[in-house]
Amino acid sequence: MARPVRPAPRRPAGQASARRPGPPKAPPVAPRLILFNKPFDVLTQFSGGDGRATLKDFIPVPGVYPAGRLDRDSEGLLLLTSDGRLQARIADPRHKLAKTYWVQVEGEPDEAQLQRLREGVTLNDGPTLPAEARRLPEPELWPRDPPVRFRKSVPTAWLELTIREGRNRQVRRMTAAVGLPTLRLVRVRIGPWSLEGLAPGEWKEVPARL
């Protein structure tokens, strides 16, 4: 004969059930932000490369990814972060974060050419936003490897150009559009972050905030 099922005893009102404590939660991982001086001919990626140097040859920090790109034939400041939101704020053109470049061009820029850059030039993918552009005394930079190839019969000059977009090879296309082909391109600043104190191939970590 089956025994009658006894109802479970009722807990008095207001009495919480006893719960076993679970494993302690790991503290949140702090976001990281890396400033890197990318040398010439280094690809802005960690994998692949087909024999070319990549970021993995310089930065042994797991979990960080480039915030934006810098062409293989360009040098200078590249930001890497583990924070997806910060990565988007840096890289997304909608935020119009200022990026400053030192550009060695072929030719002698005149005021009309600089003014065209300041007003914005029309490229094959549409007009650019106005840029900040000025002549720059030759800056003290590391020698490029390999050296820039000059034409002895054509003078060169340096410009400082600040843009707030991120189109493919935009600075090179802008200078070419006003008759000043780019010979060497070095990014020296992105928003509040500067290349100062970093030799080619060196990196440092800074607080991950903007």
N, C-alpha and C. Protein backbone atom coordinates (compact mmCIF):
# COMPACT_ATOMS: atom_id res chain seq x y z
N MET A 1 0.84 -1.19 0.00
CA MET A 1 0.00 0.00 0.00
C MET A 1 0.88 1.25 0.00
N ALA A 2 0.64 2.17 -0.93
CA ALA A 2 1.47 3.38 -1.07
C ALA A 2 1.23 4.31 0.08
N ARG A 3 2.34 4.89 0.53
CA ARG A 3 2.22 5.86 1.61
C ARG A 3 1.69 7.19 1.07
N PRO A 4 0.85 7.87 1.83
CA PRO A 4 0.36 9.18 1.36
C PRO A 4 1.50 10.19 1.29
N VAL A 5 1.46 11.03 0.25
CA VAL A 5 2.49 12.06 0.07
C VAL A 5 2.20 13.23 0.98
N ARG A 6 3.18 13.54 1.82
CA ARG A 6 3.01 14.66 2.74
C ARG A 6 3.41 15.97 2.05
N PRO A 7 2.59 16.97 2.20
CA PRO A 7 2.96 18.27 1.58
C PRO A 7 4.21 18.83 2.26
N ALA A 8 5.01 19.54 1.47
CA ALA A 8 6.22 20.15 2.01
C ALA A 8 5.83 21.21 3.01
N PRO A 9 6.60 21.31 4.08
CA PRO A 9 6.26 22.32 5.10
C PRO A 9 6.37 23.72 4.51
N ARG A 10 5.41 24.54 4.87
CA ARG A 10 5.40 25.91 4.37
C ARG A 10 6.38 26.77 5.16
N ARG A 11 7.06 27.63 4.40
CA ARG A 11 8.00 28.55 5.02
C ARG A 11 7.23 29.74 5.55
N PRO A 12 7.51 30.17 6.76
CA PRO A 12 6.81 31.36 7.28
C PRO A 12 7.01 32.55 6.35
N ALA A 13 5.96 33.39 6.26
CA ALA A 13 6.04 34.57 5.39
C ALA A 13 7.23 35.43 5.78
N GLY A 14 7.96 35.91 4.75
CA GLY A 14 9.09 36.78 4.98
C GLY A 14 10.39 36.07 5.21
N GLN A 15 10.37 34.74 5.29
CA GLN A 15 11.60 34.00 5.52
C GLN A 15 12.19 33.59 4.18
N ALA A 16 13.42 34.04 3.88
CA ALA A 16 14.06 33.76 2.60
C ALA A 16 14.62 32.35 2.60
N SER A 17 14.63 31.75 1.42
CA SER A 17 15.20 30.42 1.31
C SER A 17 16.71 30.50 1.40
N ALA A 18 17.31 29.52 1.98
CA ALA A 18 18.76 29.49 2.10
C ALA A 18 19.38 29.07 0.77
N ARG A 19 20.31 29.84 0.26
CA ARG A 19 20.96 29.52 -0.99
C ARG A 19 22.44 29.27 -0.74
N ARG A 20 22.93 28.27 -1.44
CA ARG A 20 24.35 28.00 -1.31
C ARG A 20 25.15 29.06 -2.08
N PRO A 21 26.18 29.58 -1.47
CA PRO A 21 26.98 30.59 -2.20
C PRO A 21 27.68 29.97 -3.39
N GLY A 22 27.60 30.67 -4.52
CA GLY A 22 28.28 30.19 -5.72
C GLY A 22 29.74 30.60 -5.71
N PRO A 23 30.46 30.21 -6.76
CA PRO A 23 31.87 30.60 -6.83
C PRO A 23 32.00 32.12 -6.96
N PRO A 24 33.02 32.71 -6.37
CA PRO A 24 33.18 34.17 -6.47
C PRO A 24 33.36 34.62 -7.91
N LYS A 25 32.73 35.74 -8.24
CA LYS A 25 32.85 36.26 -9.59
C LYS A 25 34.23 36.90 -9.79
N ALA A 26 34.79 36.64 -10.97
CA ALA A 26 36.08 37.23 -11.27
C ALA A 26 35.91 38.73 -11.47
N PRO A 27 36.84 39.53 -11.00
CA PRO A 27 36.74 40.98 -11.21
C PRO A 27 36.77 41.30 -12.70
N PRO A 28 36.07 42.34 -13.14
CA PRO A 28 36.08 42.69 -14.56
C PRO A 28 37.49 43.02 -15.02
N VAL A 29 37.78 42.61 -16.25
CA VAL A 29 39.11 42.86 -16.82
C VAL A 29 39.19 44.33 -17.24
N ALA A 30 40.20 45.01 -16.77
CA ALA A 30 40.37 46.43 -17.10
C ALA A 30 40.71 46.57 -18.58
N PRO A 31 40.07 47.51 -19.28
CA PRO A 31 40.41 47.72 -20.69
C PRO A 31 41.84 48.21 -20.83
N ARG A 32 42.43 47.92 -21.99
CA ARG A 32 43.82 48.28 -22.24
C ARG A 32 43.90 49.15 -23.49
N LEU A 33 44.86 50.05 -23.50
CA LEU A 33 45.09 50.92 -24.65
C LEU A 33 46.60 51.01 -24.88
N ILE A 34 47.01 50.66 -26.09
CA ILE A 34 48.42 50.62 -26.46
C ILE A 34 48.70 51.69 -27.51
N LEU A 35 49.78 52.45 -27.33
CA LEU A 35 50.28 53.38 -28.33
C LEU A 35 51.51 52.75 -28.97
N PHE A 36 51.50 52.66 -30.29
CA PHE A 36 52.57 51.96 -31.02
C PHE A 36 53.07 52.83 -32.15
N ASN A 37 54.38 52.91 -32.28
CA ASN A 37 55.00 53.61 -33.41
C ASN A 37 55.27 52.59 -34.51
N LYS A 38 54.36 52.52 -35.47
CA LYS A 38 54.45 51.51 -36.53
C LYS A 38 55.53 51.88 -37.53
N PRO A 39 56.51 50.99 -37.74
CA PRO A 39 57.53 51.28 -38.74
C PRO A 39 56.98 51.13 -40.16
N PHE A 40 57.73 51.66 -41.10
CA PHE A 40 57.42 51.48 -42.52
C PHE A 40 57.42 49.99 -42.86
N ASP A 41 56.51 49.57 -43.75
CA ASP A 41 56.43 48.21 -44.28
C ASP A 41 55.94 47.18 -43.27
N VAL A 42 55.27 47.63 -42.22
CA VAL A 42 54.64 46.72 -41.25
C VAL A 42 53.14 46.75 -41.49
N LEU A 43 52.52 45.57 -41.58
CA LEU A 43 51.09 45.48 -41.82
C LEU A 43 50.32 45.67 -40.51
N THR A 44 49.18 46.36 -40.60
CA THR A 44 48.36 46.63 -39.43
C THR A 44 47.42 45.46 -39.17
N GLN A 45 48.00 44.32 -38.82
CA GLN A 45 47.24 43.10 -38.53
C GLN A 45 48.16 42.16 -37.75
N PHE A 46 47.54 41.20 -37.05
CA PHE A 46 48.31 40.26 -36.25
C PHE A 46 48.56 38.94 -36.97
N SER A 47 47.71 38.58 -37.90
CA SER A 47 47.85 37.29 -38.58
C SER A 47 48.14 37.51 -40.05
N GLY A 48 48.55 36.42 -40.71
CA GLY A 48 48.84 36.51 -42.13
C GLY A 48 50.12 37.29 -42.36
N GLY A 49 50.12 38.01 -43.45
CA GLY A 49 51.28 38.83 -43.77
C GLY A 49 52.09 38.31 -44.93
N ASP A 50 52.01 37.00 -45.19
CA ASP A 50 52.74 36.40 -46.32
C ASP A 50 54.22 36.78 -46.30
N GLY A 51 54.82 36.66 -45.14
CA GLY A 51 56.23 36.95 -45.02
C GLY A 51 56.57 38.37 -44.61
N ARG A 52 55.61 39.29 -44.66
CA ARG A 52 55.86 40.65 -44.22
C ARG A 52 55.69 40.76 -42.70
N ALA A 53 56.33 41.76 -42.12
CA ALA A 53 56.19 41.99 -40.68
C ALA A 53 54.77 42.43 -40.35
N THR A 54 54.26 41.96 -39.21
CA THR A 54 52.93 42.32 -38.73
C THR A 54 53.04 42.78 -37.28
N LEU A 55 51.91 43.13 -36.70
CA LEU A 55 51.89 43.62 -35.32
C LEU A 55 52.39 42.58 -34.33
N LYS A 56 52.19 41.30 -34.64
CA LYS A 56 52.61 40.26 -33.70
C LYS A 56 54.13 40.23 -33.53
N ASP A 57 54.86 40.82 -34.47
CA ASP A 57 56.32 40.87 -34.36
C ASP A 57 56.79 41.92 -33.36
N PHE A 58 55.85 42.77 -32.88
CA PHE A 58 56.24 43.89 -32.02
C PHE A 58 55.47 43.93 -30.71
N ILE A 59 54.21 43.48 -30.71
CA ILE A 59 53.34 43.73 -29.56
C ILE A 59 52.89 42.39 -28.96
N PRO A 60 53.49 41.96 -27.83
CA PRO A 60 53.13 40.69 -27.21
C PRO A 60 52.00 40.84 -26.19
N VAL A 61 50.98 41.60 -26.55
CA VAL A 61 49.88 41.86 -25.62
C VAL A 61 48.63 41.16 -26.15
N PRO A 62 48.09 40.19 -25.43
CA PRO A 62 46.91 39.48 -25.93
C PRO A 62 45.65 40.32 -25.81
N GLY A 63 44.73 40.09 -26.72
CA GLY A 63 43.40 40.68 -26.60
C GLY A 63 43.26 42.12 -27.02
N VAL A 64 44.27 42.71 -27.68
CA VAL A 64 44.13 44.07 -28.18
C VAL A 64 44.07 44.04 -29.70
N TYR A 65 43.34 45.03 -30.25
CA TYR A 65 43.13 45.08 -31.70
C TYR A 65 43.29 46.51 -32.18
N PRO A 66 43.71 46.71 -33.43
CA PRO A 66 43.91 48.08 -33.93
C PRO A 66 42.61 48.87 -33.94
N ALA A 67 42.70 50.12 -33.52
CA ALA A 67 41.58 51.05 -33.62
C ALA A 67 41.85 51.93 -34.83
N GLY A 68 41.39 51.49 -35.99
CA GLY A 68 41.74 52.14 -37.23
C GLY A 68 42.93 51.46 -37.88
N ARG A 69 43.36 52.01 -38.99
CA ARG A 69 44.44 51.40 -39.74
C ARG A 69 45.50 52.43 -40.07
N LEU A 70 46.64 51.92 -40.49
CA LEU A 70 47.72 52.75 -41.01
C LEU A 70 48.36 51.95 -42.12
N ASP A 71 48.41 52.53 -43.32
CA ASP A 71 48.87 51.78 -44.49
C ASP A 71 50.27 51.22 -44.29
N ARG A 72 50.56 50.17 -45.02
CA ARG A 72 51.88 49.52 -44.94
C ARG A 72 53.00 50.51 -45.20
N ASP A 73 52.80 51.42 -46.16
CA ASP A 73 53.85 52.35 -46.52
C ASP A 73 53.79 53.66 -45.74
N SER A 74 53.00 53.69 -44.67
CA SER A 74 52.94 54.85 -43.77
C SER A 74 53.53 54.46 -42.42
N GLU A 75 53.93 55.46 -41.67
CA GLU A 75 54.59 55.24 -40.38
C GLU A 75 53.84 55.99 -39.29
N GLY A 76 54.22 55.66 -38.03
CA GLY A 76 53.76 56.49 -36.94
C GLY A 76 52.71 55.86 -36.05
N LEU A 77 51.90 56.72 -35.44
CA LEU A 77 51.05 56.33 -34.32
C LEU A 77 49.90 55.42 -34.74
N LEU A 78 49.83 54.30 -34.06
CA LEU A 78 48.72 53.36 -34.20
C LEU A 78 48.23 53.04 -32.81
N LEU A 79 46.91 53.06 -32.61
CA LEU A 79 46.31 52.73 -31.32
C LEU A 79 45.72 51.33 -31.37
N LEU A 80 45.91 50.60 -30.28
CA LEU A 80 45.33 49.26 -30.15
C LEU A 80 44.63 49.19 -28.79
N THR A 81 43.47 48.57 -28.74
CA THR A 81 42.73 48.50 -27.49
C THR A 81 41.96 47.19 -27.39
N SER A 82 41.64 46.83 -26.14
CA SER A 82 40.80 45.67 -25.88
C SER A 82 39.35 46.08 -25.65
N ASP A 83 39.07 47.37 -25.68
CA ASP A 83 37.74 47.91 -25.39
C ASP A 83 37.02 48.20 -26.70
N GLY A 84 35.97 47.45 -26.98
CA GLY A 84 35.25 47.61 -28.25
C GLY A 84 34.64 48.99 -28.41
N ARG A 85 34.10 49.56 -27.32
CA ARG A 85 33.50 50.89 -27.43
C ARG A 85 34.55 51.95 -27.71
N LEU A 86 35.69 51.85 -27.04
CA LEU A 86 36.76 52.80 -27.28
C LEU A 86 37.30 52.64 -28.70
N GLN A 87 37.41 51.42 -29.15
CA GLN A 87 37.87 51.16 -30.51
C GLN A 87 36.95 51.85 -31.52
N ALA A 88 35.64 51.77 -31.30
CA ALA A 88 34.69 52.40 -32.22
C ALA A 88 34.80 53.92 -32.17
N ARG A 89 34.97 54.48 -30.98
CA ARG A 89 35.06 55.95 -30.87
C ARG A 89 36.31 56.48 -31.55
N ILE A 90 37.37 55.70 -31.54
CA ILE A 90 38.61 56.12 -32.19
C ILE A 90 38.52 55.97 -33.70
N ALA A 91 37.99 54.83 -34.14
CA ALA A 91 38.06 54.48 -35.55
C ALA A 91 36.88 54.99 -36.38
N ASP A 92 35.70 55.14 -35.77
CA ASP A 92 34.52 55.49 -36.53
C ASP A 92 34.58 56.95 -36.98
N PRO A 93 34.53 57.21 -38.30
CA PRO A 93 34.61 58.60 -38.78
C PRO A 93 33.49 59.49 -38.25
N ARG A 94 32.39 58.92 -37.78
CA ARG A 94 31.30 59.75 -37.28
C ARG A 94 31.71 60.57 -36.07
N HIS A 95 32.71 60.09 -35.32
CA HIS A 95 33.16 60.82 -34.14
C HIS A 95 34.15 61.94 -34.47
N LYS A 96 34.65 61.95 -35.74
CA LYS A 96 35.51 63.03 -36.23
C LYS A 96 36.69 63.32 -35.30
N LEU A 97 37.33 62.26 -34.84
CA LEU A 97 38.51 62.42 -34.00
C LEU A 97 39.67 62.91 -34.86
N ALA A 98 40.32 63.97 -34.42
CA ALA A 98 41.39 64.58 -35.23
C ALA A 98 42.60 63.66 -35.31
N LYS A 99 43.16 63.56 -36.51
CA LYS A 99 44.38 62.78 -36.76
C LYS A 99 45.36 63.69 -37.49
N THR A 100 46.57 63.82 -36.92
CA THR A 100 47.56 64.75 -37.46
C THR A 100 48.72 63.98 -38.08
N TYR A 101 49.12 64.43 -39.27
CA TYR A 101 50.17 63.77 -40.04
C TYR A 101 51.25 64.79 -40.40
N TRP A 102 52.48 64.32 -40.43
CA TRP A 102 53.58 65.05 -41.04
C TRP A 102 53.84 64.40 -42.39
N VAL A 103 53.76 65.21 -43.44
CA VAL A 103 53.76 64.69 -44.80
C VAL A 103 54.88 65.34 -45.60
N GLN A 104 55.77 64.52 -46.11
CA GLN A 104 56.80 65.01 -47.02
C GLN A 104 56.25 64.89 -48.43
N VAL A 105 56.20 66.02 -49.13
CA VAL A 105 55.61 66.04 -50.46
C VAL A 105 56.65 66.45 -51.49
N GLU A 106 56.36 66.09 -52.71
CA GLU A 106 57.20 66.48 -53.83
C GLU A 106 56.69 67.81 -54.37
N GLY A 107 57.58 68.79 -54.43
CA GLY A 107 57.18 70.10 -54.91
C GLY A 107 57.25 71.14 -53.80
N GLU A 108 56.99 72.39 -54.17
CA GLU A 108 56.99 73.52 -53.25
C GLU A 108 55.56 74.01 -53.06
N PRO A 109 54.93 73.71 -51.96
CA PRO A 109 53.52 74.12 -51.78
C PRO A 109 53.38 75.64 -51.77
N ASP A 110 52.35 76.13 -52.43
CA ASP A 110 52.04 77.55 -52.35
C ASP A 110 50.76 77.73 -51.54
N GLU A 111 50.43 78.97 -51.26
CA GLU A 111 49.28 79.24 -50.39
C GLU A 111 47.97 78.76 -51.03
N ALA A 112 47.88 78.81 -52.36
CA ALA A 112 46.65 78.35 -53.01
C ALA A 112 46.44 76.85 -52.80
N GLN A 113 47.50 76.07 -52.87
CA GLN A 113 47.38 74.63 -52.65
C GLN A 113 47.01 74.33 -51.19
N LEU A 114 47.61 75.05 -50.26
CA LEU A 114 47.27 74.86 -48.85
C LEU A 114 45.81 75.23 -48.60
N GLN A 115 45.35 76.30 -49.24
CA GLN A 115 43.97 76.73 -49.04
C GLN A 115 42.99 75.69 -49.58
N ARG A 116 43.33 75.04 -50.67
CA ARG A 116 42.45 73.99 -51.20
C ARG A 116 42.32 72.85 -50.19
N LEU A 117 43.43 72.49 -49.55
CA LEU A 117 43.38 71.44 -48.53
C LEU A 117 42.52 71.89 -47.34
N ARG A 118 42.63 73.17 -46.98
CA ARG A 118 41.86 73.68 -45.84
C ARG A 118 40.36 73.71 -46.13
N GLU A 119 40.02 73.94 -47.39
CA GLU A 119 38.61 74.01 -47.76
C GLU A 119 38.01 72.64 -48.05
N GLY A 120 38.87 71.64 -48.28
CA GLY A 120 38.40 70.31 -48.69
C GLY A 120 38.56 70.15 -50.18
N VAL A 121 39.01 68.97 -50.59
CA VAL A 121 39.20 68.71 -52.02
C VAL A 121 38.27 67.58 -52.44
N THR A 122 37.96 67.54 -53.72
CA THR A 122 37.07 66.51 -54.24
C THR A 122 37.89 65.32 -54.72
N LEU A 123 37.62 64.15 -54.13
CA LEU A 123 38.26 62.91 -54.52
C LEU A 123 37.28 62.06 -55.32
N ASN A 124 37.72 60.90 -55.77
CA ASN A 124 36.80 60.07 -56.56
C ASN A 124 35.66 59.50 -55.73
N ASP A 125 35.75 59.57 -54.39
CA ASP A 125 34.64 59.13 -53.54
C ASP A 125 33.97 60.31 -52.85
N GLY A 126 34.11 61.50 -53.44
CA GLY A 126 33.40 62.66 -52.93
C GLY A 126 34.32 63.67 -52.27
N PRO A 127 33.77 64.83 -51.92
CA PRO A 127 34.58 65.88 -51.30
C PRO A 127 34.98 65.51 -49.87
N THR A 128 36.17 65.94 -49.48
CA THR A 128 36.62 65.72 -48.10
C THR A 128 36.14 66.86 -47.21
N LEU A 129 36.17 66.61 -45.93
CA LEU A 129 35.92 67.69 -44.98
C LEU A 129 37.12 68.65 -44.99
N PRO A 130 36.91 69.88 -44.59
CA PRO A 130 38.05 70.80 -44.49
C PRO A 130 39.12 70.23 -43.56
N ALA A 131 40.37 70.50 -43.91
CA ALA A 131 41.51 70.02 -43.13
C ALA A 131 42.29 71.22 -42.59
N GLU A 132 43.11 70.97 -41.59
CA GLU A 132 44.08 71.97 -41.15
C GLU A 132 45.38 71.66 -41.88
N ALA A 133 45.94 72.66 -42.52
CA ALA A 133 47.14 72.44 -43.33
C ALA A 133 48.09 73.62 -43.19
N ARG A 134 49.38 73.32 -42.99
CA ARG A 134 50.39 74.37 -42.91
C ARG A 134 51.75 73.82 -43.33
N ARG A 135 52.63 74.72 -43.77
CA ARG A 135 54.01 74.34 -44.04
C ARG A 135 54.69 74.00 -42.73
N LEU A 136 55.63 73.09 -42.79
CA LEU A 136 56.31 72.61 -41.59
C LEU A 136 57.81 72.58 -41.85
N PRO A 137 58.63 73.16 -40.97
CA PRO A 137 60.07 72.96 -41.12
C PRO A 137 60.38 71.47 -41.07
N GLU A 138 61.44 71.04 -41.72
CA GLU A 138 61.74 69.62 -41.74
C GLU A 138 61.86 69.08 -40.31
N PRO A 139 61.01 68.12 -39.94
CA PRO A 139 61.03 67.64 -38.56
C PRO A 139 62.20 66.70 -38.31
N GLU A 140 62.53 66.55 -37.03
CA GLU A 140 63.58 65.61 -36.64
C GLU A 140 62.95 64.23 -36.49
N LEU A 141 63.11 63.41 -37.51
CA LEU A 141 62.54 62.07 -37.52
C LEU A 141 63.65 61.04 -37.70
N TRP A 142 63.36 59.82 -37.36
CA TRP A 142 64.26 58.71 -37.60
C TRP A 142 64.42 58.49 -39.10
N PRO A 143 65.57 58.00 -39.54
CA PRO A 143 65.71 57.67 -40.97
C PRO A 143 64.75 56.55 -41.36
N ARG A 144 64.16 56.70 -42.51
CA ARG A 144 63.26 55.64 -42.97
C ARG A 144 64.06 54.51 -43.60
N ASP A 145 63.61 53.29 -43.39
CA ASP A 145 64.26 52.12 -43.97
C ASP A 145 63.23 51.34 -44.78
N PRO A 146 63.33 51.33 -46.13
CA PRO A 146 64.38 51.95 -46.95
C PRO A 146 64.17 53.46 -47.08
N PRO A 147 65.22 54.18 -47.48
CA PRO A 147 65.11 55.63 -47.60
C PRO A 147 64.09 56.03 -48.67
N VAL A 148 63.57 57.24 -48.53
CA VAL A 148 62.67 57.80 -49.53
C VAL A 148 63.46 58.03 -50.82
N ARG A 149 62.85 57.70 -51.95
CA ARG A 149 63.50 57.91 -53.25
C ARG A 149 63.11 59.28 -53.78
N PHE A 150 64.11 60.13 -53.97
CA PHE A 150 63.89 61.50 -54.43
C PHE A 150 64.25 61.64 -55.90
N ARG A 151 63.68 62.68 -56.50
CA ARG A 151 64.14 63.11 -57.81
C ARG A 151 64.98 64.37 -57.59
N LYS A 152 66.24 64.30 -57.94
CA LYS A 152 67.16 65.40 -57.64
C LYS A 152 66.71 66.72 -58.24
N SER A 153 65.97 66.64 -59.32
CA SER A 153 65.56 67.87 -60.00
C SER A 153 64.30 68.50 -59.40
N VAL A 154 63.67 67.81 -58.45
CA VAL A 154 62.40 68.30 -57.89
C VAL A 154 62.58 68.53 -56.39
N PRO A 155 62.26 69.73 -55.89
CA PRO A 155 62.38 69.99 -54.45
C PRO A 155 61.30 69.26 -53.67
N THR A 156 61.52 69.13 -52.37
CA THR A 156 60.51 68.53 -51.50
C THR A 156 60.24 69.49 -50.34
N ALA A 157 59.11 69.26 -49.67
CA ALA A 157 58.72 70.09 -48.53
C ALA A 157 57.91 69.24 -47.56
N TRP A 158 57.73 69.77 -46.35
CA TRP A 158 56.95 69.09 -45.32
C TRP A 158 55.69 69.88 -44.99
N LEU A 159 54.60 69.16 -44.81
CA LEU A 159 53.33 69.74 -44.38
C LEU A 159 52.88 69.08 -43.09
N GLU A 160 52.12 69.83 -42.31
CA GLU A 160 51.36 69.24 -41.20
C GLU A 160 49.90 69.29 -41.59
N LEU A 161 49.27 68.13 -41.63
CA LEU A 161 47.90 68.02 -42.11
C LEU A 161 47.06 67.30 -41.06
N THR A 162 45.95 67.92 -40.66
CA THR A 162 45.04 67.32 -39.67
C THR A 162 43.69 67.10 -40.32
N ILE A 163 43.22 65.87 -40.28
CA ILE A 163 41.92 65.52 -40.86
C ILE A 163 41.04 64.89 -39.79
N ARG A 164 39.74 64.80 -40.09
CA ARG A 164 38.78 64.21 -39.16
C ARG A 164 37.93 63.16 -39.86
N GLU A 165 38.55 62.49 -40.82
CA GLU A 165 37.90 61.40 -41.52
C GLU A 165 38.86 60.21 -41.52
N GLY A 166 38.45 59.12 -42.16
CA GLY A 166 39.31 57.96 -42.20
C GLY A 166 39.18 57.18 -43.49
N ARG A 167 39.17 57.88 -44.62
CA ARG A 167 39.05 57.18 -45.90
C ARG A 167 40.36 56.47 -46.25
N ASN A 168 40.24 55.51 -47.14
CA ASN A 168 41.41 54.76 -47.57
C ASN A 168 42.43 55.68 -48.24
N ARG A 169 43.65 55.70 -47.70
CA ARG A 169 44.77 56.47 -48.24
C ARG A 169 44.38 57.93 -48.48
N GLN A 170 43.63 58.48 -47.56
CA GLN A 170 43.05 59.80 -47.78
C GLN A 170 44.10 60.90 -47.89
N VAL A 171 45.07 60.93 -46.99
CA VAL A 171 46.04 62.02 -47.02
C VAL A 171 46.83 61.99 -48.33
N ARG A 172 47.25 60.83 -48.76
CA ARG A 172 47.99 60.72 -50.02
C ARG A 172 47.13 61.22 -51.19
N ARG A 173 45.87 60.86 -51.19
CA ARG A 173 45.01 61.28 -52.29
C ARG A 173 44.74 62.78 -52.25
N MET A 174 44.66 63.34 -51.03
CA MET A 174 44.42 64.78 -50.92
C MET A 174 45.61 65.58 -51.43
N THR A 175 46.81 65.20 -51.03
CA THR A 175 47.97 65.95 -51.50
C THR A 175 48.16 65.80 -53.02
N ALA A 176 47.91 64.59 -53.52
CA ALA A 176 48.02 64.39 -54.97
C ALA A 176 47.01 65.25 -55.72
N ALA A 177 45.81 65.42 -55.14
CA ALA A 177 44.76 66.19 -55.81
C ALA A 177 45.12 67.65 -55.97
N VAL A 178 46.02 68.15 -55.11
CA VAL A 178 46.42 69.55 -55.25
C VAL A 178 47.81 69.67 -55.86
N GLY A 179 48.31 68.58 -56.44
CA GLY A 179 49.58 68.63 -57.16
C GLY A 179 50.81 68.45 -56.31
N LEU A 180 50.67 67.79 -55.15
CA LEU A 180 51.80 67.58 -54.24
C LEU A 180 51.86 66.10 -53.85
N PRO A 181 52.44 65.25 -54.68
CA PRO A 181 52.50 63.82 -54.36
C PRO A 181 53.24 63.57 -53.05
N THR A 182 52.71 62.66 -52.25
CA THR A 182 53.31 62.32 -50.96
C THR A 182 54.50 61.37 -51.15
N LEU A 183 55.61 61.69 -50.51
CA LEU A 183 56.79 60.84 -50.51
C LEU A 183 56.91 60.05 -49.20
N ARG A 184 56.58 60.70 -48.10
CA ARG A 184 56.67 60.05 -46.80
C ARG A 184 55.52 60.54 -45.93
N LEU A 185 54.93 59.63 -45.16
CA LEU A 185 53.75 59.96 -44.36
C LEU A 185 53.92 59.39 -42.96
N VAL A 186 53.88 60.29 -41.95
CA VAL A 186 54.05 59.88 -40.56
C VAL A 186 52.89 60.44 -39.74
N ARG A 187 52.12 59.56 -39.11
CA ARG A 187 51.04 60.03 -38.24
C ARG A 187 51.63 60.30 -36.85
N VAL A 188 51.42 61.51 -36.36
CA VAL A 188 52.05 61.90 -35.10
C VAL A 188 51.06 62.07 -33.96
N ARG A 189 49.77 62.16 -34.25
CA ARG A 189 48.79 62.37 -33.18
C ARG A 189 47.43 61.84 -33.60
N ILE A 190 46.72 61.25 -32.62
CA ILE A 190 45.32 60.86 -32.78
C ILE A 190 44.59 61.37 -31.55
N GLY A 191 43.69 62.34 -31.74
CA GLY A 191 42.99 62.90 -30.59
C GLY A 191 43.98 63.40 -29.55
N PRO A 192 43.88 62.94 -28.29
CA PRO A 192 44.79 63.41 -27.25
C PRO A 192 46.11 62.65 -27.17
N TRP A 193 46.27 61.62 -28.02
CA TRP A 193 47.45 60.76 -27.92
C TRP A 193 48.50 61.14 -28.95
N SER A 194 49.76 61.14 -28.51
CA SER A 194 50.86 61.59 -29.34
C SER A 194 51.91 60.50 -29.50
N LEU A 195 52.69 60.64 -30.55
CA LEU A 195 53.79 59.72 -30.83
C LEU A 195 55.03 60.02 -29.99
N GLU A 196 55.01 61.12 -29.28
CA GLU A 196 56.20 61.61 -28.59
C GLU A 196 56.81 60.54 -27.68
N GLY A 197 58.14 60.39 -27.80
CA GLY A 197 58.86 59.47 -26.93
C GLY A 197 58.93 58.04 -27.41
N LEU A 198 58.31 57.73 -28.55
CA LEU A 198 58.31 56.36 -29.07
C LEU A 198 59.17 56.26 -30.32
N ALA A 199 60.17 55.43 -30.27
CA ALA A 199 60.97 55.15 -31.45
C ALA A 199 60.24 54.13 -32.32
N PRO A 200 60.59 53.99 -33.60
CA PRO A 200 59.92 53.01 -34.45
C PRO A 200 59.99 51.61 -33.84
N GLY A 201 58.83 50.93 -33.78
CA GLY A 201 58.75 49.60 -33.22
C GLY A 201 58.50 49.57 -31.73
N GLU A 202 58.50 50.72 -31.06
CA GLU A 202 58.25 50.77 -29.62
C GLU A 202 56.78 51.01 -29.34
N TRP A 203 56.33 50.56 -28.16
CA TRP A 203 54.95 50.78 -27.73
C TRP A 203 54.93 51.05 -26.24
N LYS A 204 53.83 51.64 -25.79
CA LYS A 204 53.61 51.86 -24.37
C LYS A 204 52.13 51.78 -24.08
N GLU A 205 51.79 51.46 -22.83
CA GLU A 205 50.39 51.38 -22.43
C GLU A 205 50.01 52.64 -21.66
N VAL A 206 48.80 53.16 -21.96
CA VAL A 206 48.30 54.36 -21.30
C VAL A 206 46.88 54.07 -20.81
N PRO A 207 46.32 54.91 -19.93
CA PRO A 207 44.95 54.69 -19.48
C PRO A 207 43.96 54.62 -20.64
N ALA A 208 43.06 53.66 -20.59
CA ALA A 208 42.11 53.43 -21.69
C ALA A 208 40.88 54.28 -21.50
N ARG A 209 41.01 55.54 -21.80
CA ARG A 209 39.85 56.44 -21.72
C ARG A 209 40.01 57.54 -22.75
N LEU A 210 38.87 58.11 -23.13
CA LEU A 210 38.84 59.18 -24.12
C LEU A 210 37.84 60.23 -23.65
